Amino acid sequence: MIEAAGFDKLITVELHNDTILGYFKIPVIHLSGLSLFQKEIEKIKDNLVIVTPDAGGLKRSQRFAEGLDIPLALIEKKRDLNNLHKILSMRVVGDVKGKTVIIVEDVIVTGGTIINAAYLLKEKGAKKVIVGATHADFVGGADKILADSPVDKIWVTDTIPIPSKMHFPKLEVFSISSVLSDAIKKISK
């Protein structure tokens, strides 16, 4: 459909599933907003660990952790095979004790995944829990739930506008414009 409309290139930002890229016949430049959080991470410097809250985000978190030379941990979930939305147990694989943990996500919707992860990480001794997510698509009172959660700070980009009434002190919104403009400049040459 996109090709039929005359597009010869496509720019995407943090697709939930990378396999979508295979559906296009035109070149696709797939961007991430996570690079915008790098300066904030460099300010923290000590005792950092990147955490993926589920197996689905492992590749994304690995790339991010390797790019920053920061250790990686993951949260392993055991799900009910009759109801995949029901989590039977969770465990941390990796060392988080006494560390500032940065949970890497593509999108925050209800906040449930990161809140459950934050409780577990703090229980396992994490000093601080920060979340970095490219998209914030808050629904169902996610803003209020996150504001009252054990998460210390939440970094998101403005790929999806967040109404000012949904902003809260822990939330920091970064503009995606520089990432997009750099990509557009590169493909325009």
C-alpha atoms as a PDB file:
ATOM      1  CA  MET A   1       0.000   0.000   0.000  1.00  0.00           C
ATOM      2  CA  ILE A   2       2.800   2.427   0.892  1.00  0.00           C
ATOM      3  CA  GLU A   3       4.670   1.520  -2.280  1.00  0.00           C
ATOM      4  CA  ALA A   4       1.456   1.965  -4.318  1.00  0.00           C
ATOM      5  CA  ALA A   5       1.110   5.472  -2.883  1.00  0.00           C
ATOM      6  CA  GLY A   6       4.455   6.361  -4.469  1.00  0.00           C
ATOM      7  CA  PHE A   7       6.796   6.189  -1.495  1.00  0.00           C
ATOM      8  CA  ASP A   8      10.346   5.139  -2.325  1.00  0.00           C
ATOM      9  CA  LYS A   9      11.697   5.176   1.261  1.00  0.00           C
ATOM     10  CA  LEU A  10      10.127   4.869   4.692  1.00  0.00           C
ATOM     11  CA  ILE A  11      11.276   6.004   8.126  1.00  0.00           C
ATOM     12  CA  THR A  12       9.921   4.199  11.182  1.00  0.00           C
ATOM     13  CA  VAL A  13      10.577   4.795  14.860  1.00  0.00           C
ATOM     14  CA  GLU A  14      10.902   1.874  17.294  1.00  0.00           C
ATOM     15  CA  LEU A  15       8.540  -0.673  15.816  1.00  0.00           C
ATOM     16  CA  HIS A  16       7.121  -3.046  18.404  1.00  0.00           C
ATOM     17  CA  ASN A  17       8.154  -5.990  16.253  1.00  0.00           C
ATOM     18  CA  ASP A  18      11.133  -5.794  13.858  1.00  0.00           C
ATOM     19  CA  THR A  19       9.669  -8.493  11.606  1.00  0.00           C
ATOM     20  CA  ILE A  20       7.302  -5.822  10.245  1.00  0.00           C
ATOM     21  CA  LEU A  21      10.306  -4.446   8.345  1.00  0.00           C
ATOM     22  CA  GLY A  22      10.216  -7.515   6.097  1.00  0.00           C
ATOM     23  CA  TYR A  23       6.812  -6.566   4.690  1.00  0.00           C
ATOM     24  CA  PHE A  24       8.132  -3.574   2.757  1.00  0.00           C
ATOM     25  CA  LYS A  25       9.644  -3.698  -0.708  1.00  0.00           C
ATOM     26  CA  ILE A  26      11.124  -0.206  -0.383  1.00  0.00           C
ATOM     27  CA  PRO A  27      14.110   0.724   1.813  1.00  0.00           C
ATOM     28  CA  VAL A  28      13.117   1.263   5.448  1.00  0.00           C
ATOM     29  CA  ILE A  29      15.172   3.304   7.887  1.00  0.00           C
ATOM     30  CA  HIS A  30      14.274   2.071  11.352  1.00  0.00           C
ATOM     31  CA  LEU A  31      15.121   4.558  14.109  1.00  0.00           C
ATOM     32  CA  SER A  32      15.188   4.364  17.886  1.00  0.00           C
ATOM     33  CA  GLY A  33      14.539   7.131  20.368  1.00  0.00           C
ATOM     34  CA  LEU A  34      16.723   5.462  22.986  1.00  0.00           C
ATOM     35  CA  SER A  35      19.813   7.361  21.819  1.00  0.00           C
ATOM     36  CA  LEU A  36      18.207  10.532  23.199  1.00  0.00           C
ATOM     37  CA  PHE A  37      18.616   9.163  26.735  1.00  0.00           C
ATOM     38  CA  GLN A  38      22.360   8.593  26.363  1.00  0.00           C
ATOM     39  CA  LYS A  39      23.377  11.997  27.795  1.00  0.00           C
ATOM     40  CA  GLU A  40      21.222  11.388  30.865  1.00  0.00           C
ATOM     41  CA  ILE A  41      22.797   7.969  31.326  1.00  0.00           C
ATOM     42  CA  GLU A  42      26.305   9.423  31.023  1.00  0.00           C
ATOM     43  CA  LYS A  43      25.470  11.800  33.908  1.00  0.00           C
ATOM     44  CA  ILE A  44      24.757   8.815  36.167  1.00  0.00           C
ATOM     45  CA  LYS A  45      27.957   6.936  35.219  1.00  0.00           C
ATOM     46  CA  ASP A  46      28.385   4.557  38.155  1.00  0.00           C
ATOM     47  CA  ASN A  47      26.839   1.195  38.949  1.00  0.00           C
ATOM     48  CA  LEU A  48      24.485   1.012  35.980  1.00  0.00           C
ATOM     49  CA  VAL A  49      22.695  -1.960  34.507  1.00  0.00           C
ATOM     50  CA  ILE A  50      20.283  -2.073  31.565  1.00  0.00           C
ATOM     51  CA  VAL A  51      17.267  -4.332  32.113  1.00  0.00           C
ATOM     52  CA  THR A  52      14.817  -5.758  29.647  1.00  0.00           C
ATOM     53  CA  PRO A  53      11.464  -6.395  31.330  1.00  0.00           C
ATOM     54  CA  ASP A  54      10.623  -9.296  29.014  1.00  0.00           C
ATOM     55  CA  ALA A  55      12.125 -11.583  26.389  1.00  0.00           C
ATOM     56  CA  GLY A  56      10.452  -9.628  23.573  1.00  0.00           C
ATOM     57  CA  GLY A  57      12.674  -6.610  24.193  1.00  0.00           C
ATOM     58  CA  LEU A  58      15.929  -8.524  24.614  1.00  0.00           C
ATOM     59  CA  LYS A  59      17.487  -7.597  21.233  1.00  0.00           C
ATOM     60  CA  ARG A  60      16.686  -3.910  21.722  1.00  0.00           C
ATOM     61  CA  SER A  61      18.133  -3.901  25.234  1.00  0.00           C
ATOM     62  CA  GLN A  62      21.239  -5.841  24.163  1.00  0.00           C
ATOM     63  CA  ARG A  63      22.007  -3.347  21.376  1.00  0.00           C
ATOM     64  CA  PHE A  64      21.509  -0.437  23.754  1.00  0.00           C
ATOM     65  CA  ALA A  65      23.612  -1.959  26.559  1.00  0.00           C
ATOM     66  CA  GLU A  66      26.430  -2.943  24.192  1.00  0.00           C
ATOM     67  CA  GLY A  67      26.470   0.523  22.621  1.00  0.00           C
ATOM     68  CA  LEU A  68      26.956   2.088  26.048  1.00  0.00           C
ATOM     69  CA  ASP A  69      29.207  -0.683  27.412  1.00  0.00           C
ATOM     70  CA  ILE A  70      26.819  -1.287  30.320  1.00  0.00           C
ATOM     71  CA  PRO A  71      25.945  -4.743  31.710  1.00  0.00           C
ATOM     72  CA  LEU A  72      22.590  -6.280  30.842  1.00  0.00           C
ATOM     73  CA  ALA A  73      20.086  -8.094  33.047  1.00  0.00           C
ATOM     74  CA  LEU A  74      16.673  -9.424  32.183  1.00  0.00           C
ATOM     75  CA  ILE A  75      13.423 -10.266  33.841  1.00  0.00           C
ATOM     76  CA  GLU A  76      12.300 -13.753  33.040  1.00  0.00           C
ATOM     77  CA  LYS A  77       8.562 -14.327  33.213  1.00  0.00           C
ATOM     78  CA  LYS A  78       6.762 -17.618  33.520  1.00  0.00           C
ATOM     79  CA  ARG A  79       3.296 -17.295  31.975  1.00  0.00           C
ATOM     80  CA  ASP A  80       0.135 -19.337  32.355  1.00  0.00           C
ATOM     81  CA  LEU A  81      -0.117 -21.331  29.115  1.00  0.00           C
ATOM     82  CA  ASN A  82      -3.925 -21.120  29.253  1.00  0.00           C
ATOM     83  CA  ASN A  83      -3.873 -17.332  29.693  1.00  0.00           C
ATOM     84  CA  LEU A  84      -0.697 -15.723  28.336  1.00  0.00           C
ATOM     85  CA  HIS A  85      -1.586 -12.385  29.939  1.00  0.00           C
ATOM     86  CA  LYS A  86      -1.337 -14.004  33.373  1.00  0.00           C
ATOM     87  CA  ILE A  87       2.178 -14.046  34.818  1.00  0.00           C
ATOM     88  CA  LEU A  88       2.797 -16.894  37.257  1.00  0.00           C
ATOM     89  CA  SER A  89       6.270 -15.826  38.370  1.00  0.00           C
ATOM     90  CA  MET A  90       9.075 -13.397  37.585  1.00  0.00           C
ATOM     91  CA  ARG A  91      12.778 -13.527  38.350  1.00  0.00           C
ATOM     92  CA  VAL A  92      15.767 -11.306  37.685  1.00  0.00           C
ATOM     93  CA  VAL A  93      18.609 -12.834  35.688  1.00  0.00           C
ATOM     94  CA  GLY A  94      21.678 -10.695  36.379  1.00  0.00           C
ATOM     95  CA  ASP A  95      23.036  -8.485  39.137  1.00  0.00           C
ATOM     96  CA  VAL A  96      20.982  -5.416  40.126  1.00  0.00           C
ATOM     97  CA  LYS A  97      21.838  -5.122  43.836  1.00  0.00           C
ATOM     98  CA  GLY A  98      22.965  -1.583  44.720  1.00  0.00           C
ATOM     99  CA  LYS A  99      22.734  -0.467  41.098  1.00  0.00           C
ATOM    100  CA  THR A 100      20.845   2.130  39.132  1.00  0.00           C
ATOM    101  CA  VAL A 101      18.691   0.102  36.781  1.00  0.00           C
ATOM    102  CA  ILE A 102      17.513   1.428  33.442  1.00  0.00           C
ATOM    103  CA  ILE A 103      14.561  -0.503  32.048  1.00  0.00           C
ATOM    104  CA  VAL A 104      14.485  -0.237  28.254  1.00  0.00           C
ATOM    105  CA  GLU A 105      11.104  -0.436  26.515  1.00  0.00           C
ATOM    106  CA  ASP A 106       9.682   0.427  23.121  1.00  0.00           C
ATOM    107  CA  VAL A 107       6.334   1.651  24.454  1.00  0.00           C
ATOM    108  CA  ILE A 108       4.551   2.273  27.740  1.00  0.00           C
ATOM    109  CA  VAL A 109       0.794   1.751  27.521  1.00  0.00           C
ATOM    110  CA  THR A 110      -0.742   0.791  30.882  1.00  0.00           C
ATOM    111  CA  GLY A 111       2.543   0.813  32.799  1.00  0.00           C
ATOM    112  CA  GLY A 112       1.876  -2.649  34.225  1.00  0.00           C
ATOM    113  CA  THR A 113       5.008  -4.307  32.852  1.00  0.00           C
ATOM    114  CA  ILE A 114       7.401  -1.674  34.143  1.00  0.00           C
ATOM    115  CA  ILE A 115       5.673  -1.270  37.500  1.00  0.00           C
ATOM    116  CA  ASN A 116       5.842  -5.018  38.151  1.00  0.00           C
ATOM    117  CA  ALA A 117       9.464  -4.986  37.023  1.00  0.00           C
ATOM    118  CA  ALA A 118      10.269  -2.010  39.277  1.00  0.00           C
ATOM    119  CA  TYR A 119       8.812  -3.719  42.352  1.00  0.00           C
ATOM    120  CA  LEU A 120      10.840  -6.854  41.635  1.00  0.00           C
ATOM    121  CA  LEU A 121      14.051  -4.922  40.935  1.00  0.00           C
ATOM    122  CA  LYS A 122      13.746  -2.893  44.148  1.00  0.00           C
ATOM    123  CA  GLU A 123      13.004  -6.112  46.055  1.00  0.00           C
ATOM    124  CA  LYS A 124      16.261  -7.516  44.613  1.00  0.00           C
ATOM    125  CA  GLY A 125      18.208  -4.491  45.855  1.00  0.00           C
ATOM    126  CA  ALA A 126      18.191  -2.014  42.968  1.00  0.00           C
ATOM    127  CA  LYS A 127      19.081   1.438  44.281  1.00  0.00           C
ATOM    128  CA  LYS A 128      17.106   3.314  41.637  1.00  0.00           C
ATOM    129  CA  VAL A 129      14.817   2.331  38.752  1.00  0.00           C
ATOM    130  CA  ILE A 130      14.657   4.502  35.640  1.00  0.00           C
ATOM    131  CA  VAL A 131      12.606   3.667  32.551  1.00  0.00           C
ATOM    132  CA  GLY A 132      13.555   4.718  29.028  1.00  0.00           C
ATOM    133  CA  ALA A 133      10.845   4.168  26.407  1.00  0.00           C
ATOM    134  CA  THR A 134      10.572   5.592  22.918  1.00  0.00           C
ATOM    135  CA  HIS A 135       6.774   5.808  22.919  1.00  0.00           C
ATOM    136  CA  ALA A 136       4.353   6.831  25.681  1.00  0.00           C
ATOM    137  CA  ASP A 137       0.844   5.775  24.720  1.00  0.00           C
ATOM    138  CA  PHE A 138      -0.681   6.150  28.183  1.00  0.00           C
ATOM    139  CA  VAL A 139      -4.136   4.599  28.641  1.00  0.00           C
ATOM    140  CA  GLY A 140      -6.314   3.644  31.583  1.00  0.00           C
ATOM    141  CA  GLY A 141      -4.822   6.101  34.047  1.00  0.00           C
ATOM    142  CA  ALA A 142      -1.246   4.964  33.353  1.00  0.00           C
ATOM    143  CA  ASP A 143       0.044   8.447  34.184  1.00  0.00           C
ATOM    144  CA  LYS A 144      -1.407   8.295  37.706  1.00  0.00           C
ATOM    145  CA  ILE A 145      -0.312   4.692  38.257  1.00  0.00           C
ATOM    146  CA  LEU A 146       3.237   5.490  37.126  1.00  0.00           C
ATOM    147  CA  ALA A 147       3.377   8.647  39.250  1.00  0.00           C
ATOM    148  CA  ASP A 148       2.659   6.540  42.351  1.00  0.00           C
ATOM    149  CA  SER A 149       4.927   3.635  41.380  1.00  0.00           C
ATOM    150  CA  PRO A 150       8.396   2.633  42.640  1.00  0.00           C
ATOM    151  CA  VAL A 151       9.870   3.898  39.350  1.00  0.00           C
ATOM    152  CA  ASP A 152      12.143   6.866  40.128  1.00  0.00           C
ATOM    153  CA  LYS A 153      12.215   8.480  36.679  1.00  0.00           C
ATOM    154  CA  ILE A 154      10.615   7.894  33.285  1.00  0.00           C
ATOM    155  CA  TRP A 155      12.185   9.096  30.041  1.00  0.00           C
ATOM    156  CA  VAL A 156      10.036   9.049  26.895  1.00  0.00           C
ATOM    157  CA  THR A 157      10.040  10.790  23.534  1.00  0.00           C
ATOM    158  CA  ASP A 158       7.312  12.877  21.963  1.00  0.00           C
ATOM    159  CA  THR A 159       6.492  10.434  19.146  1.00  0.00           C
ATOM    160  CA  ILE A 160       3.005  10.382  20.666  1.00  0.00           C
ATOM    161  CA  PRO A 161       1.895  13.725  22.150  1.00  0.00           C
ATOM    162  CA  ILE A 162       1.202  13.533  25.885  1.00  0.00           C
ATOM    163  CA  PRO A 163      -1.421  16.038  27.052  1.00  0.00           C
ATOM    164  CA  SER A 164      -0.039  18.356  29.741  1.00  0.00           C
ATOM    165  CA  LYS A 165      -2.653  17.088  32.218  1.00  0.00           C
ATOM    166  CA  MET A 166      -0.945  13.660  31.979  1.00  0.00           C
ATOM    167  CA  HIS A 167       2.509  14.992  32.867  1.00  0.00           C
ATOM    168  CA  PHE A 168       3.843  14.215  36.342  1.00  0.00           C
ATOM    169  CA  PRO A 169       7.115  15.008  38.167  1.00  0.00           C
ATOM    170  CA  LYS A 170       8.846  11.682  37.364  1.00  0.00           C
ATOM    171  CA  LEU A 171       8.174  12.065  33.618  1.00  0.00           C
ATOM    172  CA  GLU A 172      10.713  13.663  31.290  1.00  0.00           C
ATOM    173  CA  VAL A 173       9.801  14.031  27.608  1.00  0.00           C
ATOM    174  CA  PHE A 174      12.544  14.277  24.967  1.00  0.00           C
ATOM    175  CA  SER A 175      11.969  15.604  21.452  1.00  0.00           C
ATOM    176  CA  ILE A 176      12.453  13.028  18.694  1.00  0.00           C
ATOM    177  CA  SER A 177      12.924  15.814  16.104  1.00  0.00           C
ATOM    178  CA  SER A 178      16.748  15.658  16.008  1.00  0.00           C
ATOM    179  CA  VAL A 179      16.717  11.894  15.369  1.00  0.00           C
ATOM    180  CA  LEU A 180      14.185  12.314  12.549  1.00  0.00           C
ATOM    181  CA  SER A 181      15.887  15.331  10.984  1.00  0.00           C
ATOM    182  CA  ASP A 182      19.287  13.573  10.986  1.00  0.00           C
ATOM    183  CA  ALA A 183      17.748  10.581   9.196  1.00  0.00           C
ATOM    184  CA  ILE A 184      15.996  12.798   6.646  1.00  0.00           C
ATOM    185  CA  LYS A 185      19.242  14.672   5.944  1.00  0.00           C
ATOM    186  CA  LYS A 186      21.113  11.388   5.382  1.00  0.00           C
ATOM    187  CA  ILE A 187      18.589   9.984   2.910  1.00  0.00           C
ATOM    188  CA  SER A 188      18.240  13.324   1.096  1.00  0.00           C
ATOM    189  CA  LYS A 189      21.885  13.347   0.025  1.00  0.00           C
END
